[in-house]
Protein backbone atom coordinates (compact mmCIF):
# COMPACT_ATOMS: atom_id res chain seq x y z
CA UNK A 1 -100.65 -39.98 -14.38
CA UNK A 2 -103.07 -37.10 -13.86
CA UNK A 3 -102.34 -34.31 -11.44
CA UNK A 4 -104.87 -35.54 -8.95
CA UNK A 5 -103.65 -38.99 -9.18
CA UNK A 6 -100.09 -37.80 -8.68
CA UNK A 7 -101.32 -35.87 -5.50
CA UNK A 8 -103.09 -38.97 -4.29
CA UNK A 9 -99.99 -41.10 -4.95
CA UNK A 10 -98.04 -38.91 -2.40
CA UNK A 11 -100.62 -39.49 0.33
CA UNK A 12 -100.69 -43.22 -0.58
CA UNK A 13 -96.99 -43.39 0.09
CA UNK A 14 -97.28 -41.35 3.33
CA UNK A 15 -99.99 -43.77 4.47
CA UNK A 16 -97.60 -46.64 3.84
CA UNK A 17 -94.79 -44.90 5.75
CA UNK A 18 -96.83 -44.13 8.73
CA UNK A 19 -98.93 -47.31 8.93
CA UNK A 20 -95.79 -49.18 9.92
CA UNK A 21 -94.13 -46.53 11.81
CA UNK A 22 -96.51 -43.91 13.55
CA UNK A 23 -96.41 -45.74 16.88
CA UNK A 24 -92.82 -47.27 16.45
CA UNK A 25 -91.27 -43.88 15.73
CA UNK A 26 -93.46 -42.14 18.46
CA UNK A 27 -95.00 -43.50 21.59
CA UNK A 28 -93.48 -46.94 21.49
CA UNK A 29 -89.97 -45.49 22.07
CA UNK A 30 -91.27 -43.09 24.87
CA UNK A 31 -91.80 -43.92 28.53
CA UNK A 32 -95.56 -44.05 27.85
CA UNK A 33 -95.40 -47.62 26.37
CA UNK A 34 -93.56 -50.80 26.95
CA UNK A 35 -93.46 -53.99 25.05
CA UNK A 36 -96.23 -56.62 25.05
CA UNK A 37 -95.51 -60.30 24.63
CA UNK A 38 -92.09 -61.78 23.95
CA UNK A 39 -91.37 -60.63 20.33
CA UNK A 40 -87.84 -59.50 19.69
CA UNK A 41 -89.17 -56.64 17.43
CA UNK A 42 -91.19 -54.85 19.99
CA UNK A 43 -88.50 -55.23 22.62
CA UNK A 44 -85.89 -53.68 20.46
CA UNK A 45 -88.16 -50.74 19.57
CA UNK A 46 -89.10 -49.97 23.28
CA UNK A 47 -85.56 -50.54 24.51
CA UNK A 48 -84.09 -48.44 21.56
CA UNK A 49 -81.94 -51.46 20.67
CA UNK A 50 -82.50 -51.01 16.96
CA UNK A 51 -80.33 -52.71 14.37
CA UNK A 52 -80.15 -52.23 10.62
CA UNK A 53 -82.41 -55.33 10.26
CA UNK A 54 -85.13 -53.97 12.39
CA UNK A 55 -88.06 -53.19 10.16
CA UNK A 56 -88.90 -49.82 11.67
CA UNK A 57 -85.30 -48.65 11.21
CA UNK A 58 -85.88 -48.90 7.49
CA UNK A 59 -86.36 -45.66 5.50
CA UNK A 60 -87.45 -47.04 2.25
CA UNK A 61 -91.04 -46.08 2.49
CA UNK A 62 -90.09 -42.58 3.69
CA UNK A 63 -87.91 -41.98 0.62
CA UNK A 64 -90.60 -43.43 -1.69
CA UNK A 65 -93.02 -40.53 -0.25
CA UNK A 66 -90.17 -38.15 -1.00
CA UNK A 67 -89.60 -39.47 -4.39
CA UNK A 68 -93.33 -39.00 -5.24
CA UNK A 69 -93.25 -35.45 -3.93
CA UNK A 70 -90.27 -34.78 -6.04
CA UNK A 71 -91.98 -35.93 -9.17
CA UNK A 72 -94.93 -33.72 -8.36
CA UNK A 73 -92.67 -30.70 -7.79
CA UNK A 74 -90.87 -31.10 -11.07
CA UNK A 75 -93.94 -31.96 -13.23
CA UNK A 76 -96.79 -29.95 -11.82
CA UNK A 77 -95.65 -26.56 -13.35
CA UNK A 78 -95.83 -28.11 -16.76
CA UNK A 79 -99.50 -29.26 -16.52
CA UNK A 80 -101.55 -26.91 -18.59
CA UNK A 81 -105.08 -28.19 -17.62
CA UNK A 82 -104.86 -26.89 -14.17
CA UNK A 83 -105.94 -23.42 -12.86
CA UNK A 84 -102.82 -21.61 -11.31
CA UNK A 85 -104.67 -21.85 -7.89
CA UNK A 86 -105.25 -25.56 -8.13
CA UNK A 87 -101.61 -26.00 -9.51
CA UNK A 88 -100.08 -24.07 -6.62
CA UNK A 89 -102.24 -25.97 -3.99
CA UNK A 90 -100.99 -29.32 -5.23
CA UNK A 91 -97.52 -27.96 -5.10
CA UNK A 92 -97.92 -26.65 -1.56
CA UNK A 93 -99.01 -30.27 -0.54
CA UNK A 94 -96.01 -31.79 -2.25
CA UNK A 95 -93.64 -29.35 -0.77
CA UNK A 96 -95.00 -29.59 2.70
CA UNK A 97 -95.16 -33.44 2.88
CA UNK A 98 -91.49 -33.66 1.49
CA UNK A 99 -90.49 -31.45 4.44
CA UNK A 100 -92.56 -33.40 6.71
CA UNK A 101 -90.75 -36.63 5.67
CA UNK A 102 -87.21 -35.05 5.93
CA UNK A 103 -88.20 -33.65 9.42
CA UNK A 104 -89.13 -37.21 10.47
CA UNK A 105 -85.80 -38.37 8.89
CA UNK A 106 -83.40 -35.91 10.75
CA UNK A 107 -85.12 -36.67 14.03
CA UNK A 108 -84.62 -40.24 13.62
CA UNK A 109 -81.33 -40.78 11.79
CA UNK A 110 -79.66 -37.40 11.98
CA UNK A 111 -77.75 -36.97 8.82
CA UNK A 112 -79.62 -38.30 5.97
CA UNK A 113 -79.24 -38.31 2.05
CA UNK A 114 -81.18 -35.51 0.30
CA UNK A 115 -83.09 -35.99 -2.86
CA UNK A 116 -84.77 -32.97 -4.30
CA UNK A 117 -85.23 -34.33 -7.93
CA UNK A 118 -86.87 -37.54 -9.05
CA UNK A 119 -84.70 -40.48 -9.68
CA UNK A 120 -85.38 -41.05 -13.31
CA UNK A 121 -82.17 -42.48 -14.88
CA UNK A 122 -81.12 -46.00 -13.77
CA UNK A 123 -77.54 -45.15 -14.78
CA UNK A 124 -77.44 -42.51 -11.95
CA UNK A 125 -76.01 -43.71 -8.67
CA UNK A 126 -78.99 -44.28 -6.42
CA UNK A 127 -76.79 -43.71 -3.38
CA UNK A 128 -75.90 -40.32 -2.01
CA UNK A 129 -73.77 -39.35 1.02
CA UNK A 130 -75.59 -38.06 4.01
CA UNK A 131 -76.07 -34.28 4.65
CA UNK A 132 -75.99 -33.02 8.29
CA UNK A 133 -79.26 -32.61 9.96
CA UNK A 134 -78.81 -28.99 10.44
CA UNK A 135 -78.16 -28.52 6.74
CA UNK A 136 -81.35 -30.52 5.89
CA UNK A 137 -83.51 -28.44 8.11
CA UNK A 138 -82.09 -25.20 6.95
CA UNK A 139 -81.68 -25.77 3.14
CA UNK A 140 -84.62 -28.12 2.63
CA UNK A 141 -87.22 -28.34 5.36
CA UNK A 142 -87.71 -24.74 6.20
CA UNK A 143 -87.54 -23.48 2.53
CA UNK A 144 -90.14 -26.16 1.66
CA UNK A 145 -92.46 -25.08 4.34
CA UNK A 146 -92.04 -21.49 3.54
CA UNK A 147 -92.72 -22.13 -0.16
CA UNK A 148 -95.75 -24.22 0.70
CA UNK A 149 -97.07 -21.36 2.72
CA UNK A 150 -97.06 -18.99 -0.26
CA UNK A 151 -98.68 -21.60 -2.52
CA UNK A 152 -101.35 -23.27 -0.38
CA UNK A 153 -105.04 -22.14 -0.99
CA UNK A 154 -106.08 -20.37 2.07
CA UNK A 155 -109.63 -20.86 1.44
CA UNK A 156 -109.31 -24.72 1.81
CA UNK A 157 -109.18 -26.10 5.20
CA UNK A 158 -109.67 -29.86 4.92
CA UNK A 159 -108.38 -31.82 7.86
CA UNK A 160 -107.33 -34.73 5.72
CA UNK A 161 -104.87 -32.89 3.55
CA UNK A 162 -102.14 -30.29 3.92
CA UNK A 163 -103.59 -26.89 4.75
CA UNK A 164 -102.40 -23.45 6.13
CA UNK A 165 -102.74 -24.47 9.54
CA UNK A 166 -100.78 -27.72 9.05
CA UNK A 167 -97.84 -25.86 7.48
CA UNK A 168 -97.59 -23.20 10.30
CA UNK A 169 -97.91 -26.08 12.92
CA UNK A 170 -95.00 -27.88 11.20
CA UNK A 171 -92.97 -24.69 10.95
CA UNK A 172 -93.51 -24.12 14.69
CA UNK A 173 -92.50 -27.79 15.35
CA UNK A 174 -89.35 -27.43 13.23
CA UNK A 175 -88.28 -24.02 14.75
CA UNK A 176 -88.56 -25.47 18.25
CA UNK A 177 -86.45 -28.41 17.22
CA UNK A 178 -83.57 -26.19 16.10
CA UNK A 179 -84.23 -23.93 19.25
CA UNK A 180 -85.17 -20.79 17.17
CA UNK A 181 -87.76 -19.68 19.82
CA UNK A 182 -88.36 -16.31 18.22
CA UNK A 183 -89.34 -17.95 14.96
CA UNK A 184 -91.61 -20.41 16.69
CA UNK A 185 -93.30 -17.67 18.48
CA UNK A 186 -93.89 -15.92 15.08
CA UNK A 187 -95.25 -18.93 13.40
CA UNK A 188 -97.44 -20.08 16.38
CA UNK A 189 -98.81 -16.47 16.53
CA UNK A 190 -99.70 -16.79 12.71
CA UNK A 191 -101.36 -20.07 13.40
CA UNK A 192 -103.49 -18.69 16.34
CA UNK A 193 -104.51 -15.76 14.05
CA UNK A 194 -106.01 -18.10 11.32
CA UNK A 195 -109.70 -17.67 10.77
CA UNK A 196 -110.48 -21.29 11.28
CA UNK A 197 -111.28 -20.94 14.92
CA UNK A 198 -108.94 -23.84 16.15
CA UNK A 199 -109.62 -24.67 19.75
CA UNK A 200 -108.83 -27.19 22.47
CA UNK A 201 -111.89 -26.83 24.67
CA UNK A 202 -112.89 -30.53 24.66
CA UNK A 203 -115.83 -30.23 27.13
CA UNK A 204 -116.43 -33.93 27.34
CA UNK A 205 -114.73 -37.37 26.70
CA UNK A 206 -116.66 -37.56 23.37
CA UNK A 207 -115.32 -34.22 22.17
CA UNK A 208 -111.92 -35.44 22.81
CA UNK A 209 -112.73 -38.68 21.04
CA UNK A 210 -113.60 -36.92 17.95
CA UNK A 211 -110.02 -35.81 17.49
CA UNK A 212 -109.13 -39.31 16.79
CA UNK A 213 -112.26 -40.90 15.29
CA UNK A 214 -114.02 -37.90 13.59
CA UNK A 215 -111.50 -35.13 13.24
CA UNK A 216 -113.54 -33.44 10.48
CA UNK A 217 -115.85 -32.36 13.39
CA UNK A 218 -113.15 -31.42 15.80
CA UNK A 219 -111.99 -27.85 16.32
CA UNK A 220 -108.65 -29.20 17.63
CA UNK A 221 -107.60 -31.38 14.72
CA UNK A 222 -105.39 -29.57 12.32
CA UNK A 223 -103.97 -32.32 9.98
CA UNK A 224 -105.02 -36.07 10.13
CA UNK A 225 -103.94 -38.93 7.91
CA UNK A 226 -107.20 -40.40 6.66
CA UNK A 227 -107.69 -44.18 6.22
CA UNK A 228 -110.25 -46.31 4.51
CA UNK A 229 -109.44 -50.01 4.66
CA UNK A 230 -111.65 -50.77 1.56
CA UNK A 231 -109.54 -48.42 -0.52
CA UNK A 232 -106.22 -48.41 1.35
CA UNK A 233 -106.00 -51.88 2.97
CA UNK A 234 -105.89 -52.23 6.78
CA UNK A 235 -103.32 -50.17 8.50
CA UNK A 236 -100.82 -51.63 11.00
CA UNK A 237 -101.73 -49.36 13.86
CA UNK A 238 -104.15 -52.23 14.99
CA UNK A 239 -101.14 -54.48 15.38
CA UNK A 240 -99.44 -51.92 17.61
CA UNK A 241 -102.42 -50.80 19.88
CA UNK A 242 -104.88 -53.59 19.77
CA UNK A 243 -107.32 -55.33 17.38
CA UNK A 244 -109.80 -58.04 17.75
CA UNK A 245 -107.63 -60.94 16.69
CA UNK A 246 -104.16 -59.97 17.30
CA UNK A 247 -101.94 -59.51 20.44
CA UNK A 248 -100.87 -55.93 20.67
CA UNK A 249 -97.06 -55.24 20.20
CA UNK A 250 -97.20 -52.66 23.02
CA UNK A 251 -99.03 -51.84 26.26
CA UNK A 252 -99.23 -48.90 28.50
CA UNK A 253 -96.15 -48.76 30.85
CA UNK A 254 -97.07 -49.37 34.38
CA UNK A 255 -95.75 -46.21 35.72
CA UNK A 256 -97.53 -44.07 33.14
CA UNK A 257 -100.56 -46.13 33.82
CA UNK A 258 -100.61 -45.44 37.48
CA UNK A 259 -100.02 -41.79 36.97
CA UNK A 260 -102.99 -41.59 34.68
CA UNK A 261 -105.12 -43.49 37.05
CA UNK A 262 -104.36 -41.06 39.88
CA UNK A 263 -106.60 -38.30 38.14
CA UNK A 264 -110.06 -39.98 37.63
CA UNK A 265 -111.46 -36.56 36.60
CA UNK A 266 -109.19 -36.49 33.48
CA UNK A 267 -111.67 -36.87 30.55
CA UNK A 268 -108.99 -38.47 28.44
CA UNK A 269 -108.79 -41.31 30.72
CA UNK A 270 -112.10 -43.11 29.72
CA UNK A 271 -111.14 -42.52 26.07
CA UNK A 272 -107.59 -43.88 26.41
CA UNK A 273 -108.17 -47.27 27.72
CA UNK A 274 -110.55 -49.73 29.65
CA UNK A 275 -111.18 -48.08 33.04
CA UNK A 276 -112.24 -51.32 34.36
CA UNK A 277 -108.73 -52.28 34.47
CA UNK A 278 -107.80 -51.70 38.02
CA UNK A 279 -104.08 -52.01 38.05
CA UNK A 280 -101.15 -52.23 35.72
CA UNK A 281 -100.80 -56.01 36.29
CA UNK A 282 -103.78 -56.47 33.97
CA UNK A 283 -101.60 -55.35 31.01
CA UNK A 284 -103.39 -52.48 29.24
CA UNK A 285 -102.76 -53.70 25.72
CA UNK A 286 -105.35 -52.10 23.78
CA UNK A 287 -105.72 -48.32 23.13
CA UNK A 288 -109.35 -47.20 22.74
CA UNK A 289 -109.11 -43.69 21.39
CA UNK A 290 -108.58 -44.60 17.72
CA UNK A 291 -111.71 -46.81 17.37
CA UNK A 292 -115.45 -45.90 17.16
CA UNK A 293 -117.87 -46.79 19.92
CA UNK A 294 -119.95 -49.83 19.55
CA UNK A 295 -123.63 -48.69 19.63
CA UNK A 296 -124.62 -51.62 21.89
CA UNK A 297 -121.86 -51.78 24.41
CA UNK A 298 -120.86 -48.15 24.20
CA UNK A 299 -117.17 -49.39 24.29
CA UNK A 300 -114.83 -49.03 21.23
CA UNK A 301 -115.24 -51.77 18.75
CA UNK A 302 -111.88 -53.22 17.96
CA UNK A 303 -111.56 -54.04 14.26
CA UNK A 304 -109.76 -57.09 12.94
CA UNK A 305 -106.32 -56.16 11.74
CA UNK A 306 -107.06 -56.16 8.09
CA UNK A 307 -110.04 -53.69 8.60
CA UNK A 308 -108.52 -51.09 10.76
CA UNK A 309 -109.44 -47.48 9.76
CA UNK A 310 -107.46 -45.74 12.58
CA UNK A 311 -106.98 -42.17 11.59
CA UNK A 312 -103.65 -40.73 12.64
CA UNK A 313 -103.42 -37.22 14.01
CA UNK A 314 -100.43 -35.65 12.65
CA UNK A 315 -100.89 -32.06 14.15
CA UNK A 316 -103.39 -30.93 16.74
CA UNK A 317 -103.98 -27.35 18.01
CA UNK A 318 -102.68 -28.52 21.50
CA UNK A 319 -99.39 -29.32 19.74
CA UNK A 320 -98.84 -25.73 18.58
CA UNK A 321 -100.07 -23.97 21.82
CA UNK A 322 -97.77 -26.18 23.98
CA UNK A 323 -94.84 -25.56 21.61
CA UNK A 324 -95.65 -21.75 21.84
CA UNK A 325 -95.75 -21.90 25.44
CA UNK A 326 -92.36 -23.63 25.67
CA UNK A 327 -90.92 -21.00 23.28
CA UNK A 328 -92.32 -18.11 25.43
CA UNK A 329 -90.91 -19.67 28.59
CA UNK A 330 -87.53 -20.01 26.89
CA UNK A 331 -87.54 -16.28 26.02
CA UNK A 332 -88.70 -15.23 29.57
CA UNK A 333 -92.09 -14.19 28.35
CA UNK A 334 -94.37 -15.44 31.01
CA UNK A 335 -97.30 -13.46 30.07
CA UNK A 336 -97.37 -14.26 26.21
């Protein structure tokens, strides 16, 4: 496997992991969404009644991504056909994505098994005891991100791959998770000092839409997981938030919907859902923001499930600024 193919394989595994779980591990378990229809699966997810048999509680795809990152971290230093700059940039992405997967793991499961080397010998025991979450954060996640920050090519700022901004955003997120507010303030300040001119001034609903449908043109998008159904197959996001031929697994919770409806001037409202829905009894089961506008109707065009190209924002500038604001508040710095 070539070095570029190895790097692509990590992203391929990341796509598979988050295709099934981006909504299930996030909004679906919050008070923003509730279940739609009568399927047991979505009821278990929204009610946090998961069992070992619930698909979204399975970490196999997550550890596949970790395994591929481990293989790159082990083998890339031995590749002689790469320049040092290119090799280090690939290594930065492997370290950062491994950290990203372990960060998901400890937030979801707490203590988890730690693999930092590829599983290459079938005679080795494939099972490992769980390591405490704090240990994984301190001995794996933060060192991986710190290493990635030293290796990443700072002249490359592509929104669809790990970049310097994404690493600093992730570091800020991790520091806040462990309540290390001083470290979060430092990493968020480093993020804000980057020369890429990240911004959150979405003047219109179309600017806001670009974060989700055309992030390469958005100053707010930091790191987005790209999707091309021709190359990658349709992602499962459409099943969760609406497609042309499937009933959505989830819908906007009625309380959240009515709060959102209370502010008709919020530019996010027209992007998030059909504003012709006048009350929560209509079941807002389709989320608009991930889909491109139909040139004829000027409304989002829902893809069939097998052709969903939904791009998944993993970090946005707003994420970092809000985390920084929380850290400053926790330390009593009201002016920072």
